[in-house]
N, C-alpha and C. Protein backbone atom coordinates (compact mmCIF):
# COMPACT_ATOMS: atom_id res chain seq x y z
N MET A 1 -15.59 23.02 10.82
CA MET A 1 -16.08 21.67 10.80
C MET A 1 -16.49 21.27 12.22
N ARG A 2 -15.70 21.66 13.20
CA ARG A 2 -16.04 21.30 14.60
C ARG A 2 -17.39 21.91 14.97
N ASN A 3 -17.64 23.16 14.57
CA ASN A 3 -18.95 23.75 14.91
C ASN A 3 -20.07 23.07 14.28
N ILE A 4 -19.92 22.58 13.05
CA ILE A 4 -20.99 21.88 12.39
C ILE A 4 -21.28 20.57 13.11
N LEU A 5 -20.21 19.89 13.54
CA LEU A 5 -20.41 18.61 14.28
C LEU A 5 -21.06 18.82 15.63
N LEU A 6 -20.70 19.94 16.34
CA LEU A 6 -21.33 20.21 17.61
C LEU A 6 -22.78 20.52 17.45
N LYS A 7 -23.19 21.29 16.42
CA LYS A 7 -24.58 21.56 16.13
C LYS A 7 -25.31 20.25 15.82
N LEU A 8 -24.73 19.44 15.10
CA LEU A 8 -25.39 18.18 14.65
C LEU A 8 -25.57 17.27 15.90
N ARG A 9 -24.67 17.35 16.82
CA ARG A 9 -24.79 16.54 18.02
C ARG A 9 -26.03 16.90 18.83
N GLU A 10 -26.37 18.17 18.71
CA GLU A 10 -27.60 18.63 19.40
C GLU A 10 -28.85 17.96 18.77
N HIS A 11 -28.71 17.61 17.52
CA HIS A 11 -29.89 17.03 16.77
C HIS A 11 -29.87 15.52 16.71
N GLY A 12 -28.95 14.91 17.40
CA GLY A 12 -29.00 13.45 17.54
C GLY A 12 -28.01 12.72 16.71
N ALA A 13 -27.88 11.49 17.06
CA ALA A 13 -26.89 10.60 16.43
C ALA A 13 -27.22 10.28 15.01
N MET A 14 -28.47 10.27 14.65
CA MET A 14 -28.88 10.03 13.27
C MET A 14 -28.33 11.04 12.30
N ALA A 15 -28.46 12.32 12.63
CA ALA A 15 -27.96 13.41 11.84
C ALA A 15 -26.43 13.27 11.69
N MET A 16 -25.77 12.93 12.78
CA MET A 16 -24.29 12.76 12.79
C MET A 16 -23.90 11.68 11.82
N MET A 17 -24.62 10.59 11.83
CA MET A 17 -24.26 9.47 10.92
C MET A 17 -24.47 9.94 9.46
N LEU A 18 -25.49 10.66 9.20
CA LEU A 18 -25.76 11.13 7.85
C LEU A 18 -24.55 12.01 7.33
N VAL A 19 -24.11 12.92 8.18
CA VAL A 19 -23.00 13.78 7.82
C VAL A 19 -21.73 12.90 7.57
N LEU A 20 -21.44 11.98 8.45
CA LEU A 20 -20.25 11.17 8.29
C LEU A 20 -20.30 10.36 7.02
N LEU A 21 -21.48 9.80 6.67
CA LEU A 21 -21.63 9.03 5.47
C LEU A 21 -21.46 9.89 4.28
N CYS A 22 -21.92 11.16 4.24
CA CYS A 22 -21.73 12.07 3.18
C CYS A 22 -20.25 12.36 3.01
N MET A 23 -19.59 12.65 4.09
CA MET A 23 -18.10 12.95 4.00
C MET A 23 -17.37 11.78 3.48
N ALA A 24 -17.67 10.58 3.89
CA ALA A 24 -17.01 9.34 3.35
C ALA A 24 -17.30 9.19 1.88
N ALA A 25 -18.47 9.40 1.46
CA ALA A 25 -18.82 9.29 0.07
C ALA A 25 -18.10 10.33 -0.80
N ALA A 26 -17.98 11.51 -0.27
CA ALA A 26 -17.34 12.58 -1.01
C ALA A 26 -15.83 12.32 -1.18
N SER A 27 -15.26 11.59 -0.22
CA SER A 27 -13.84 11.34 -0.28
C SER A 27 -13.50 10.18 -1.22
N CYS A 28 -14.51 9.49 -1.73
CA CYS A 28 -14.30 8.37 -2.59
C CYS A 28 -14.67 8.71 -4.04
N GLY A 29 -13.97 9.66 -4.59
CA GLY A 29 -14.29 10.13 -5.92
C GLY A 29 -13.95 9.16 -7.02
N GLU A 30 -14.51 9.36 -8.22
CA GLU A 30 -14.27 8.50 -9.33
C GLU A 30 -12.83 8.47 -9.78
N ASP A 31 -12.09 9.60 -9.55
CA ASP A 31 -10.70 9.70 -10.00
C ASP A 31 -9.71 9.16 -9.00
N ASP A 32 -10.16 8.69 -7.83
CA ASP A 32 -9.22 8.18 -6.80
C ASP A 32 -8.58 6.93 -7.29
N ILE A 33 -7.25 6.92 -7.35
CA ILE A 33 -6.48 5.75 -7.64
C ILE A 33 -5.42 5.59 -6.60
N THR A 34 -5.16 4.42 -6.14
CA THR A 34 -4.21 4.15 -5.09
C THR A 34 -2.92 4.87 -5.47
N THR A 35 -2.39 5.68 -4.55
CA THR A 35 -1.24 6.49 -4.81
C THR A 35 0.04 5.83 -4.22
N LEU A 36 1.00 5.65 -5.07
CA LEU A 36 2.32 5.25 -4.73
C LEU A 36 3.25 6.39 -4.88
N ASP A 37 4.52 6.31 -4.34
CA ASP A 37 5.52 7.27 -4.57
C ASP A 37 5.77 7.35 -6.08
N ALA A 38 6.23 8.51 -6.52
CA ALA A 38 6.51 8.65 -7.96
C ALA A 38 7.50 7.62 -8.44
N ASN A 39 7.24 7.15 -9.64
CA ASN A 39 8.14 6.21 -10.38
C ASN A 39 8.30 4.89 -9.62
N MET A 40 7.14 4.40 -9.15
CA MET A 40 7.07 3.10 -8.53
C MET A 40 5.98 2.24 -9.19
N LEU A 41 6.15 0.96 -9.15
CA LEU A 41 5.14 0.02 -9.58
C LEU A 41 4.86 -0.94 -8.43
N GLU A 42 3.64 -1.39 -8.34
CA GLU A 42 3.27 -2.44 -7.38
C GLU A 42 2.59 -3.55 -8.15
N VAL A 43 3.16 -4.71 -8.11
CA VAL A 43 2.68 -5.88 -8.83
C VAL A 43 2.20 -6.90 -7.76
N ASN A 44 0.87 -7.06 -7.66
CA ASN A 44 0.23 -7.95 -6.67
C ASN A 44 0.86 -7.74 -5.29
N GLY A 45 1.00 -6.45 -4.92
CA GLY A 45 1.45 -6.11 -3.57
C GLY A 45 2.96 -5.97 -3.41
N THR A 46 3.76 -6.28 -4.40
CA THR A 46 5.21 -6.21 -4.32
C THR A 46 5.68 -4.91 -5.08
N GLU A 47 6.34 -4.00 -4.39
CA GLU A 47 6.77 -2.75 -5.02
C GLU A 47 8.07 -2.96 -5.69
N MET A 48 8.26 -2.22 -6.83
CA MET A 48 9.53 -2.16 -7.54
C MET A 48 9.67 -0.84 -8.21
N GLY A 49 10.91 -0.43 -8.43
CA GLY A 49 11.23 0.88 -9.03
C GLY A 49 10.82 0.85 -10.54
N MET A 50 10.50 2.03 -11.05
CA MET A 50 10.15 2.20 -12.41
C MET A 50 11.28 2.82 -13.16
N GLY A 51 11.48 2.37 -14.39
CA GLY A 51 12.53 2.90 -15.25
C GLY A 51 11.97 3.95 -16.16
N GLU A 52 12.12 3.77 -17.45
CA GLU A 52 11.74 4.74 -18.42
C GLU A 52 10.29 4.62 -18.83
N ALA A 53 9.77 5.74 -19.37
CA ALA A 53 8.45 5.80 -20.01
C ALA A 53 8.59 6.41 -21.40
N THR A 54 7.83 5.81 -22.29
CA THR A 54 7.82 6.28 -23.69
C THR A 54 6.44 6.44 -24.18
N PHE A 55 6.17 7.53 -24.93
CA PHE A 55 4.88 7.71 -25.53
C PHE A 55 5.07 7.63 -27.05
N LEU A 56 4.30 6.80 -27.71
CA LEU A 56 4.35 6.67 -29.17
C LEU A 56 3.02 7.06 -29.79
N GLU A 57 2.98 8.15 -30.52
CA GLU A 57 1.72 8.52 -31.15
C GLU A 57 1.61 7.95 -32.56
N TYR A 58 0.56 7.20 -32.83
CA TYR A 58 0.36 6.59 -34.13
C TYR A 58 -0.64 7.24 -35.01
N GLY A 59 -1.29 8.32 -34.59
CA GLY A 59 -2.27 9.01 -35.41
C GLY A 59 -3.68 8.55 -35.13
N ALA A 60 -4.57 8.85 -36.09
CA ALA A 60 -6.03 8.69 -35.91
C ALA A 60 -6.35 7.21 -35.59
N MET A 61 -7.29 7.02 -34.65
CA MET A 61 -7.85 5.80 -34.31
C MET A 61 -9.24 6.01 -33.82
N GLY A 62 -10.29 5.40 -34.42
CA GLY A 62 -11.60 5.69 -34.00
C GLY A 62 -11.83 7.18 -34.14
N SER A 63 -12.38 7.78 -33.10
CA SER A 63 -12.66 9.23 -33.14
C SER A 63 -11.60 10.04 -32.39
N GLY A 64 -10.42 9.39 -32.11
CA GLY A 64 -9.38 10.07 -31.36
C GLY A 64 -8.00 9.81 -31.97
N ILE A 65 -7.02 9.93 -31.10
CA ILE A 65 -5.60 9.73 -31.54
C ILE A 65 -5.02 8.64 -30.69
N ASN A 66 -4.40 7.65 -31.37
CA ASN A 66 -3.77 6.54 -30.69
C ASN A 66 -2.40 6.92 -30.11
N CYS A 67 -2.25 6.94 -28.75
CA CYS A 67 -1.02 7.24 -28.15
C CYS A 67 -0.67 6.07 -27.24
N ASP A 68 0.31 5.28 -27.66
CA ASP A 68 0.72 4.16 -26.85
C ASP A 68 1.66 4.63 -25.71
N VAL A 69 1.45 4.13 -24.52
CA VAL A 69 2.28 4.45 -23.37
C VAL A 69 2.97 3.21 -22.98
N LEU A 70 4.35 3.22 -22.97
CA LEU A 70 5.18 2.13 -22.70
C LEU A 70 5.97 2.40 -21.43
N ILE A 71 5.83 1.55 -20.43
CA ILE A 71 6.48 1.79 -19.11
C ILE A 71 7.33 0.53 -18.76
N CYS A 72 8.55 0.78 -18.38
CA CYS A 72 9.42 -0.28 -18.00
C CYS A 72 9.77 -0.19 -16.50
N SER A 73 9.82 -1.33 -15.85
CA SER A 73 10.33 -1.33 -14.50
C SER A 73 11.86 -1.21 -14.60
N GLU A 74 12.53 -0.93 -13.46
CA GLU A 74 14.03 -0.90 -13.44
C GLU A 74 14.48 -2.23 -14.01
N GLY A 75 15.51 -2.26 -14.79
CA GLY A 75 16.06 -3.45 -15.37
C GLY A 75 15.54 -3.83 -16.70
N MET A 76 14.47 -3.11 -17.16
CA MET A 76 13.87 -3.36 -18.52
C MET A 76 14.16 -2.15 -19.39
N TYR A 77 14.30 -2.39 -20.68
CA TYR A 77 14.56 -1.35 -21.67
C TYR A 77 13.82 -1.55 -22.95
N TYR A 78 13.32 -0.47 -23.50
CA TYR A 78 12.50 -0.50 -24.72
C TYR A 78 13.27 0.17 -25.82
N ASN A 79 13.53 -0.50 -26.95
CA ASN A 79 14.27 0.07 -28.06
C ASN A 79 13.23 0.55 -29.08
N ILE A 80 13.14 1.86 -29.24
CA ILE A 80 12.18 2.47 -30.08
C ILE A 80 12.37 2.08 -31.58
N TYR A 81 13.57 1.73 -31.97
CA TYR A 81 13.87 1.53 -33.38
C TYR A 81 13.42 0.12 -33.89
N ASN A 82 13.47 -0.88 -32.97
CA ASN A 82 13.06 -2.23 -33.39
C ASN A 82 11.93 -2.76 -32.53
N SER A 83 11.34 -1.94 -31.69
CA SER A 83 10.25 -2.31 -30.81
C SER A 83 10.55 -3.51 -29.96
N GLU A 84 11.78 -3.61 -29.53
CA GLU A 84 12.25 -4.72 -28.75
C GLU A 84 12.42 -4.32 -27.28
N VAL A 85 11.93 -5.29 -26.42
CA VAL A 85 12.08 -5.05 -24.95
C VAL A 85 13.15 -6.05 -24.44
N THR A 86 14.09 -5.51 -23.69
CA THR A 86 15.11 -6.42 -23.16
C THR A 86 15.26 -6.20 -21.63
N GLY A 87 15.91 -7.10 -20.98
CA GLY A 87 16.16 -7.00 -19.55
C GLY A 87 15.31 -7.88 -18.72
N SER A 88 15.27 -7.71 -17.46
CA SER A 88 14.54 -8.55 -16.55
C SER A 88 13.63 -7.62 -15.68
N GLY A 89 12.34 -7.87 -15.72
CA GLY A 89 11.41 -7.10 -14.97
C GLY A 89 10.04 -7.06 -15.59
N ILE A 90 9.32 -5.94 -15.49
CA ILE A 90 7.98 -5.74 -15.99
C ILE A 90 7.95 -4.68 -17.08
N PHE A 91 7.24 -5.04 -18.14
CA PHE A 91 7.02 -4.10 -19.27
C PHE A 91 5.52 -3.90 -19.44
N LEU A 92 5.06 -2.63 -19.37
CA LEU A 92 3.62 -2.31 -19.51
C LEU A 92 3.39 -1.59 -20.81
N TYR A 93 2.34 -1.96 -21.52
CA TYR A 93 1.94 -1.37 -22.76
C TYR A 93 0.44 -0.98 -22.65
N PHE A 94 0.16 0.32 -22.73
CA PHE A 94 -1.20 0.83 -22.64
C PHE A 94 -1.47 1.52 -24.01
N GLU A 95 -2.53 1.02 -24.74
CA GLU A 95 -2.95 1.67 -25.94
C GLU A 95 -4.08 2.63 -25.56
N ILE A 96 -3.72 3.91 -25.54
CA ILE A 96 -4.63 4.96 -25.09
C ILE A 96 -5.13 5.80 -26.22
N ILE A 97 -6.45 6.07 -26.20
CA ILE A 97 -7.04 6.95 -27.18
C ILE A 97 -7.27 8.30 -26.51
N THR A 98 -6.52 9.25 -27.04
CA THR A 98 -6.56 10.66 -26.47
C THR A 98 -7.26 11.59 -27.48
N SER A 99 -7.56 12.78 -27.03
CA SER A 99 -8.28 13.71 -27.88
C SER A 99 -7.33 14.69 -28.53
N GLU A 100 -6.03 14.70 -28.22
CA GLU A 100 -5.12 15.69 -28.72
C GLU A 100 -3.91 15.08 -29.42
N SER A 101 -3.48 15.64 -30.51
CA SER A 101 -2.29 15.16 -31.15
C SER A 101 -1.10 15.91 -30.57
N GLY A 102 0.01 15.27 -30.43
CA GLY A 102 1.26 15.87 -29.92
C GLY A 102 1.39 15.82 -28.37
N LYS A 103 0.37 15.24 -27.71
CA LYS A 103 0.50 15.12 -26.28
C LYS A 103 -0.63 14.14 -25.79
N LEU A 104 -0.42 13.68 -24.63
CA LEU A 104 -1.46 12.79 -23.97
C LEU A 104 -2.29 13.80 -23.12
N ALA A 105 -3.56 13.92 -23.50
CA ALA A 105 -4.44 14.89 -22.86
C ALA A 105 -4.68 14.46 -21.42
N SER A 106 -4.73 15.48 -20.49
CA SER A 106 -5.03 15.24 -19.07
C SER A 106 -6.43 14.71 -18.93
N GLY A 107 -6.65 13.82 -17.91
CA GLY A 107 -8.00 13.26 -17.60
C GLY A 107 -7.81 11.83 -17.11
N THR A 108 -8.92 11.20 -16.89
CA THR A 108 -8.93 9.81 -16.43
C THR A 108 -9.45 8.96 -17.59
N TYR A 109 -8.62 7.89 -17.94
CA TYR A 109 -8.88 7.06 -19.01
C TYR A 109 -9.34 5.70 -18.39
N GLY A 110 -10.52 5.23 -18.83
CA GLY A 110 -11.06 3.96 -18.30
C GLY A 110 -10.83 2.91 -19.35
N PHE A 111 -10.84 1.63 -18.89
CA PHE A 111 -10.65 0.56 -19.80
C PHE A 111 -11.91 0.26 -20.68
N SER A 112 -11.63 -0.09 -21.98
CA SER A 112 -12.70 -0.57 -22.83
C SER A 112 -12.10 -1.66 -23.72
N ALA A 113 -12.81 -2.76 -23.68
CA ALA A 113 -12.42 -3.92 -24.51
C ALA A 113 -12.73 -3.70 -26.01
N SER A 114 -13.72 -2.80 -26.27
CA SER A 114 -14.13 -2.69 -27.60
C SER A 114 -14.22 -1.28 -28.23
N GLU A 115 -14.30 -0.25 -27.41
CA GLU A 115 -14.48 1.12 -27.93
C GLU A 115 -13.13 1.77 -28.21
N GLU A 116 -13.06 2.53 -29.29
CA GLU A 116 -11.86 3.28 -29.60
C GLU A 116 -12.24 4.71 -29.71
N LYS A 117 -12.43 5.35 -28.52
CA LYS A 117 -12.80 6.77 -28.45
C LYS A 117 -11.97 7.45 -27.37
N PRO A 118 -11.84 8.76 -27.45
CA PRO A 118 -11.03 9.47 -26.48
C PRO A 118 -11.51 9.13 -25.05
N GLY A 119 -10.55 9.01 -24.21
CA GLY A 119 -10.89 8.73 -22.76
C GLY A 119 -10.78 7.27 -22.42
N VAL A 120 -10.32 6.41 -23.28
CA VAL A 120 -10.21 4.99 -22.94
C VAL A 120 -8.80 4.48 -23.23
N PHE A 121 -8.45 3.36 -22.53
CA PHE A 121 -7.37 2.52 -23.01
C PHE A 121 -7.92 1.22 -23.33
N THR A 122 -7.41 0.61 -24.42
CA THR A 122 -8.11 -0.49 -25.10
C THR A 122 -7.65 -1.84 -24.61
N GLY A 123 -8.42 -2.84 -25.08
CA GLY A 123 -8.15 -4.25 -24.74
C GLY A 123 -6.85 -4.77 -25.34
N ASN A 124 -6.15 -4.01 -26.17
CA ASN A 124 -4.88 -4.41 -26.66
C ASN A 124 -3.76 -4.17 -25.65
N SER A 125 -4.09 -3.52 -24.54
CA SER A 125 -3.07 -3.21 -23.50
C SER A 125 -2.70 -4.46 -22.78
N TYR A 126 -1.39 -4.58 -22.44
CA TYR A 126 -0.94 -5.84 -21.78
C TYR A 126 0.30 -5.54 -20.91
N TYR A 127 0.77 -6.59 -20.25
CA TYR A 127 2.05 -6.49 -19.55
C TYR A 127 2.86 -7.73 -19.88
N VAL A 128 4.15 -7.68 -19.77
CA VAL A 128 5.04 -8.78 -19.85
C VAL A 128 5.90 -8.84 -18.61
N ASP A 129 6.05 -9.99 -18.00
CA ASP A 129 6.91 -10.19 -16.83
C ASP A 129 7.98 -11.16 -17.30
N THR A 130 9.17 -10.65 -17.57
CA THR A 130 10.29 -11.49 -18.07
C THR A 130 10.93 -12.26 -16.90
N ARG A 131 10.59 -11.88 -15.65
CA ARG A 131 11.13 -12.61 -14.54
C ARG A 131 10.51 -13.98 -14.40
N SER A 132 9.35 -14.16 -15.03
CA SER A 132 8.59 -15.42 -14.96
C SER A 132 8.38 -16.03 -16.34
N ASN A 133 9.49 -16.33 -17.01
CA ASN A 133 9.46 -16.97 -18.34
C ASN A 133 8.63 -16.14 -19.33
N GLY A 134 8.69 -14.84 -19.26
CA GLY A 134 8.03 -14.05 -20.23
C GLY A 134 6.52 -14.09 -20.30
N ILE A 135 5.92 -14.19 -19.09
CA ILE A 135 4.44 -14.21 -19.00
C ILE A 135 3.85 -12.93 -19.64
N ARG A 136 2.89 -13.06 -20.45
CA ARG A 136 2.25 -11.93 -21.10
C ARG A 136 0.77 -12.08 -20.89
N ALA A 137 0.08 -11.00 -20.37
CA ALA A 137 -1.34 -11.04 -20.18
C ALA A 137 -1.94 -9.71 -20.53
N PHE A 138 -3.18 -9.81 -21.06
CA PHE A 138 -3.92 -8.60 -21.55
C PHE A 138 -4.79 -8.02 -20.41
N ALA A 139 -5.00 -6.72 -20.48
CA ALA A 139 -5.82 -6.00 -19.51
C ALA A 139 -7.28 -6.41 -19.64
N LYS A 140 -7.92 -6.38 -18.43
CA LYS A 140 -9.36 -6.63 -18.45
C LYS A 140 -10.13 -5.55 -17.66
N GLY A 141 -9.40 -4.57 -17.10
CA GLY A 141 -10.04 -3.44 -16.41
C GLY A 141 -9.03 -2.53 -15.79
N GLY A 142 -9.49 -1.37 -15.41
CA GLY A 142 -8.58 -0.42 -14.74
C GLY A 142 -8.83 1.04 -15.19
N ARG A 143 -7.92 1.93 -14.65
CA ARG A 143 -8.05 3.36 -14.91
C ARG A 143 -6.62 3.90 -14.92
N ILE A 144 -6.48 4.92 -15.71
CA ILE A 144 -5.22 5.70 -15.79
C ILE A 144 -5.53 7.18 -15.69
N LYS A 145 -4.98 7.83 -14.66
CA LYS A 145 -5.22 9.23 -14.50
C LYS A 145 -3.92 9.98 -14.97
N VAL A 146 -4.15 10.94 -15.88
CA VAL A 146 -3.08 11.66 -16.52
C VAL A 146 -3.22 13.13 -16.21
N SER A 147 -2.09 13.75 -15.73
CA SER A 147 -2.06 15.24 -15.67
C SER A 147 -0.73 15.67 -16.21
N SER A 148 -0.79 16.80 -16.85
CA SER A 148 0.51 17.32 -17.47
C SER A 148 0.58 18.81 -17.42
N SER A 149 1.84 19.22 -17.38
CA SER A 149 2.16 20.64 -17.45
C SER A 149 3.37 20.68 -18.40
N ASP A 150 3.24 21.34 -19.55
CA ASP A 150 4.21 21.34 -20.63
C ASP A 150 4.49 19.89 -21.00
N ASN A 151 5.75 19.47 -20.87
CA ASN A 151 6.14 18.10 -21.23
C ASN A 151 6.26 17.19 -19.98
N ASN A 152 5.97 17.76 -18.80
CA ASN A 152 6.12 16.96 -17.55
C ASN A 152 4.74 16.27 -17.24
N TYR A 153 4.76 14.98 -17.10
CA TYR A 153 3.56 14.15 -16.92
C TYR A 153 3.51 13.51 -15.57
N SER A 154 2.31 13.33 -15.11
CA SER A 154 2.05 12.47 -13.92
C SER A 154 1.02 11.48 -14.35
N LEU A 155 1.38 10.17 -14.27
CA LEU A 155 0.43 9.09 -14.56
C LEU A 155 0.24 8.27 -13.33
N GLN A 156 -0.99 8.13 -12.96
CA GLN A 156 -1.30 7.16 -11.81
C GLN A 156 -2.21 6.14 -12.45
N PHE A 157 -1.93 4.89 -12.21
CA PHE A 157 -2.74 3.87 -12.92
C PHE A 157 -2.94 2.63 -12.01
N GLU A 158 -4.01 1.95 -12.27
CA GLU A 158 -4.23 0.64 -11.72
C GLU A 158 -4.92 -0.20 -12.76
N CYS A 159 -4.38 -1.39 -12.95
CA CYS A 159 -4.94 -2.23 -14.05
C CYS A 159 -4.97 -3.68 -13.60
N GLU A 160 -6.01 -4.36 -13.90
CA GLU A 160 -6.18 -5.75 -13.63
C GLU A 160 -6.05 -6.55 -14.94
N TYR A 161 -5.38 -7.66 -14.88
CA TYR A 161 -5.12 -8.43 -16.10
C TYR A 161 -5.86 -9.70 -16.04
N GLU A 162 -5.97 -10.37 -17.23
CA GLU A 162 -6.78 -11.61 -17.36
C GLU A 162 -6.29 -12.78 -16.58
N ASN A 163 -4.99 -12.72 -16.12
CA ASN A 163 -4.47 -13.79 -15.24
C ASN A 163 -4.60 -13.48 -13.79
N GLY A 164 -5.34 -12.42 -13.45
CA GLY A 164 -5.56 -12.06 -12.01
C GLY A 164 -4.52 -11.13 -11.42
N VAL A 165 -3.47 -10.81 -12.10
CA VAL A 165 -2.41 -9.89 -11.62
C VAL A 165 -3.00 -8.47 -11.66
N LYS A 166 -2.69 -7.77 -10.54
CA LYS A 166 -3.10 -6.33 -10.48
C LYS A 166 -1.79 -5.51 -10.38
N ILE A 167 -1.69 -4.54 -11.27
CA ILE A 167 -0.51 -3.64 -11.30
C ILE A 167 -0.98 -2.24 -11.09
N THR A 168 -0.32 -1.57 -10.12
CA THR A 168 -0.60 -0.17 -9.77
C THR A 168 0.72 0.54 -9.92
N GLY A 169 0.61 1.84 -10.37
CA GLY A 169 1.90 2.59 -10.58
C GLY A 169 1.65 4.06 -10.55
N HIS A 170 2.74 4.82 -10.39
CA HIS A 170 2.79 6.19 -10.48
C HIS A 170 4.07 6.65 -11.15
N TYR A 171 3.94 7.22 -12.35
CA TYR A 171 5.09 7.75 -13.05
C TYR A 171 5.00 9.28 -13.02
N GLN A 172 6.15 9.89 -12.76
CA GLN A 172 6.18 11.38 -12.87
C GLN A 172 7.52 11.74 -13.55
N GLY A 173 7.45 12.56 -14.55
CA GLY A 173 8.61 12.95 -15.25
C GLY A 173 8.30 13.35 -16.70
N ILE A 174 9.39 13.47 -17.47
CA ILE A 174 9.28 13.84 -18.89
C ILE A 174 9.61 12.57 -19.70
N PRO A 175 8.54 11.97 -20.28
CA PRO A 175 8.80 10.78 -21.07
C PRO A 175 9.39 11.06 -22.43
N SER A 176 9.94 10.06 -23.04
CA SER A 176 10.34 10.20 -24.50
C SER A 176 9.02 10.18 -25.27
N TYR A 177 8.90 11.12 -26.24
CA TYR A 177 7.61 11.19 -27.01
C TYR A 177 7.98 11.21 -28.46
N TYR A 178 7.42 10.19 -29.21
CA TYR A 178 7.64 10.00 -30.60
C TYR A 178 6.33 9.98 -31.39
N GLN A 179 6.32 10.61 -32.56
CA GLN A 179 5.22 10.50 -33.47
C GLN A 179 5.58 9.62 -34.65
N LYS A 180 4.91 8.51 -34.74
CA LYS A 180 5.18 7.59 -35.88
C LYS A 180 4.61 8.04 -37.11
N GLN A 181 5.30 7.88 -38.24
CA GLN A 181 4.87 8.28 -39.54
C GLN A 181 4.33 7.11 -40.31
């Protein structure tokens, strides 16, 4: 890299600027999502620990498979049997349309208010903040990057909600996975 920069210096500042702009553009890929330490949430700039993650597969939806991703901050708990959330903290619900049954396919899922196709999370996605009298708000934009190896998942996400709240997070681990009948 140093040799390239030295050669370009011989050809002037304009060439140098062009190379630097190209390098900057290349580092800003579509899949870049703000990275936090594993199992952390950031809500409008305030970090908190993440508790459990649960995946619920509901079967066919649109041209894909509906796999709900439920994430709790520390202090929150989700009961799979009665769909009840208890505790104090943040509860995130992402309705994701994946291409594979039995797992959440790796890739980047973008927000869609109306489409139900693989590669999106839908407008039904929301969060609940029980620390603030149970505020609930629906998603209006964001991305979720998923990578997996066997049952071990890494989820990096950033989502903006209709009330202006921005939530960023990084989950890494083996979530509970259920297929609803």
